[in-house]
């Protein structure tokens, strides 16, 4: 095996590792926004963002609803309005699909379609599909962080949540 081949393999390996780290950051973000949350010891939403991060809703529905937020504190404050103990979601689960991740050195861009299944505390429920475009950067410690998060609602539909059936033992 030549040094050129080894270098090419190392470059490809670094790209795959970067894509995997970006994927993990997106999944951590979604898990931290789920209700109820699984215990994610030591993980916080603000730790996922660069100091100058931007979070924005785009498109006709989300641009008005969410606007543009700058910095981890403003972003997390907005997200906390939807998370316990705030009385908003009874259940909220996110699913990511149609993934595309491009890595360019110390930056990356990810695109996903997100399906969000939500039951609200008022017993209404809906399915939401949104397009996510997320830019990532490497932090000082070389960890990947969210630099620019964009979400655009594609559609929503009401749905019925079936009450849980108790089984008798």
Protein backbone atom coordinates (compact mmCIF):
# COMPACT_ATOMS: atom_id res chain seq x y z
CA UNK A 1 0.00 0.00 0.00
CA UNK A 2 1.44 3.37 -1.03
CA UNK A 3 1.55 6.50 1.12
CA UNK A 4 -0.87 8.13 -1.33
CA UNK A 5 -3.37 5.33 -0.77
CA UNK A 6 -2.91 5.54 3.00
CA UNK A 7 -3.40 9.31 2.93
CA UNK A 8 -6.55 8.94 0.82
CA UNK A 9 -7.94 6.35 3.26
CA UNK A 10 -7.13 8.57 6.24
CA UNK A 11 -8.91 11.48 4.55
CA UNK A 12 -11.96 9.33 3.87
CA UNK A 13 -11.91 8.02 7.45
CA UNK A 14 -11.76 11.57 8.85
CA UNK A 15 -14.73 12.56 6.64
CA UNK A 16 -16.79 9.58 7.84
CA UNK A 17 -15.93 10.30 11.47
CA UNK A 18 -16.93 13.95 11.03
CA UNK A 19 -20.24 12.95 9.42
CA UNK A 20 -20.92 10.61 12.33
CA UNK A 21 -20.17 13.32 14.91
CA UNK A 22 -22.49 15.76 13.11
CA UNK A 23 -25.19 13.09 13.01
CA UNK A 24 -24.77 12.52 16.77
CA UNK A 25 -25.13 16.25 17.52
CA UNK A 26 -28.38 16.42 15.52
CA UNK A 27 -29.67 13.32 17.34
CA UNK A 28 -28.71 14.75 20.76
CA UNK A 29 -30.56 17.97 19.95
CA UNK A 30 -33.70 16.01 19.02
CA UNK A 31 -33.47 13.77 22.11
CA UNK A 32 -33.13 16.81 24.37
CA UNK A 33 -36.29 18.27 22.78
CA UNK A 34 -38.34 15.08 23.23
CA UNK A 35 -40.95 14.87 26.00
CA UNK A 36 -40.63 12.95 28.19
CA UNK A 37 -36.87 12.98 27.93
CA UNK A 38 -34.74 9.98 28.53
CA UNK A 39 -32.06 10.72 31.07
CA UNK A 40 -29.12 12.13 29.15
CA UNK A 41 -26.68 12.62 31.98
CA UNK A 42 -24.69 15.81 31.74
CA UNK A 43 -26.10 16.83 28.36
CA UNK A 44 -27.64 20.25 27.89
CA UNK A 45 -28.99 22.03 24.85
CA UNK A 46 -26.71 25.04 25.24
CA UNK A 47 -23.63 22.80 25.02
CA UNK A 48 -24.61 21.90 21.44
CA UNK A 49 -24.26 25.45 20.05
CA UNK A 50 -21.39 27.75 19.11
CA UNK A 51 -21.20 31.05 21.02
CA UNK A 52 -22.50 32.93 17.97
CA UNK A 53 -25.10 30.32 16.97
CA UNK A 54 -28.27 31.31 15.11
CA UNK A 55 -31.58 29.42 15.33
CA UNK A 56 -34.30 30.49 12.97
CA UNK A 57 -37.66 29.54 11.65
CA UNK A 58 -37.98 30.08 7.92
CA UNK A 59 -40.88 29.90 5.51
CA UNK A 60 -44.40 31.26 5.86
CA UNK A 61 -45.26 29.51 9.13
CA UNK A 62 -42.04 29.35 11.13
CA UNK A 63 -40.49 32.71 10.17
CA UNK A 64 -43.32 34.47 11.97
CA UNK A 65 -43.72 31.95 14.81
CA UNK A 66 -40.05 31.63 15.78
CA UNK A 67 -38.14 34.40 14.04
CA UNK A 68 -34.36 34.51 14.38
CA UNK A 69 -32.51 33.96 17.65
CA UNK A 70 -28.82 34.63 18.25
CA UNK A 71 -26.65 32.93 20.89
CA UNK A 72 -27.12 29.79 22.99
CA UNK A 73 -28.91 31.61 25.83
CA UNK A 74 -31.62 33.08 23.58
CA UNK A 75 -32.02 29.78 21.73
CA UNK A 76 -32.33 27.65 24.87
CA UNK A 77 -34.69 30.18 26.51
CA UNK A 78 -37.04 29.84 23.53
CA UNK A 79 -36.81 26.03 23.49
CA UNK A 80 -37.47 25.86 27.25
CA UNK A 81 -40.88 27.48 26.65
CA UNK A 82 -41.89 24.16 25.07
CA UNK A 83 -40.15 21.75 27.46
CA UNK A 84 -41.08 20.63 31.00
CA UNK A 85 -41.84 22.10 33.40
CA UNK A 86 -43.60 24.41 30.89
CA UNK A 87 -47.12 23.07 30.27
CA UNK A 88 -46.96 22.56 26.51
CA UNK A 89 -46.29 18.97 25.38
CA UNK A 90 -47.64 15.83 27.03
CA UNK A 91 -45.56 13.82 24.54
CA UNK A 92 -43.23 15.02 21.81
CA UNK A 93 -41.03 12.74 19.70
CA UNK A 94 -38.74 13.66 16.79
CA UNK A 95 -37.70 11.42 13.90
CA UNK A 96 -35.02 12.39 11.37
CA UNK A 97 -34.88 11.04 7.82
CA UNK A 98 -33.64 11.90 4.31
CA UNK A 99 -30.24 12.76 5.71
CA UNK A 100 -27.54 14.49 3.71
CA UNK A 101 -24.30 15.63 5.38
CA UNK A 102 -21.45 17.45 3.65
CA UNK A 103 -18.17 18.03 5.49
CA UNK A 104 -15.82 20.78 4.32
CA UNK A 105 -12.82 20.87 6.64
CA UNK A 106 -13.89 22.36 9.98
CA UNK A 107 -17.45 23.08 8.84
CA UNK A 108 -20.34 20.87 7.80
CA UNK A 109 -23.88 21.22 6.53
CA UNK A 110 -26.63 18.74 7.30
CA UNK A 111 -30.10 18.49 5.80
CA UNK A 112 -32.91 16.34 7.16
CA UNK A 113 -36.64 15.93 7.00
CA UNK A 114 -37.98 15.85 10.54
CA UNK A 115 -41.25 14.25 11.57
CA UNK A 116 -42.49 15.46 14.92
CA UNK A 117 -45.32 13.60 16.68
CA UNK A 118 -46.80 15.81 19.38
CA UNK A 119 -49.53 15.41 21.95
CA UNK A 120 -50.28 18.63 23.77
CA UNK A 121 -51.36 19.03 27.39
CA UNK A 122 -54.82 20.08 26.14
CA UNK A 123 -55.15 16.55 24.59
CA UNK A 124 -54.88 17.76 20.98
CA UNK A 125 -52.25 16.03 18.84
CA UNK A 126 -50.58 16.62 15.50
CA UNK A 127 -47.91 15.36 13.16
CA UNK A 128 -45.53 17.97 11.78
CA UNK A 129 -43.03 17.58 8.96
CA UNK A 130 -40.23 20.14 8.70
CA UNK A 131 -37.13 20.61 6.60
CA UNK A 132 -34.01 21.17 8.70
CA UNK A 133 -30.81 22.76 7.41
CA UNK A 134 -28.09 22.88 10.03
CA UNK A 135 -24.59 24.32 9.70
CA UNK A 136 -21.94 22.95 12.06
CA UNK A 137 -18.47 24.14 13.07
CA UNK A 138 -15.68 22.60 15.06
CA UNK A 139 -15.22 24.21 18.46
CA UNK A 140 -11.88 25.03 20.08
CA UNK A 141 -11.71 21.47 21.42
CA UNK A 142 -12.47 20.13 17.90
CA UNK A 143 -15.97 18.99 18.96
CA UNK A 144 -18.71 19.65 16.40
CA UNK A 145 -21.29 22.28 17.37
CA UNK A 146 -24.41 23.77 15.77
CA UNK A 147 -23.65 27.16 14.21
CA UNK A 148 -26.87 27.84 12.28
CA UNK A 149 -30.11 25.89 12.71
CA UNK A 150 -32.93 26.52 10.21
CA UNK A 151 -36.34 24.87 10.34
CA UNK A 152 -39.18 25.19 7.84
CA UNK A 153 -42.59 23.61 8.40
CA UNK A 154 -43.66 21.59 5.35
CA UNK A 155 -47.02 20.33 6.58
CA UNK A 156 -48.98 19.37 9.66
CA UNK A 157 -51.91 17.09 10.25
CA UNK A 158 -54.06 16.36 13.28
CA UNK A 159 -54.00 12.85 14.65
CA UNK A 160 -55.64 10.88 17.41
CA UNK A 161 -53.59 9.58 20.28
CA UNK A 162 -55.07 6.37 21.60
CA UNK A 163 -55.31 6.24 25.37
CA UNK A 164 -53.03 3.68 26.94
CA UNK A 165 -54.83 0.49 27.74
CA UNK A 166 -54.15 -0.93 31.14
CA UNK A 167 -53.63 -4.68 31.07
CA UNK A 168 -54.80 -6.82 33.92
CA UNK A 169 -52.32 -9.30 35.27
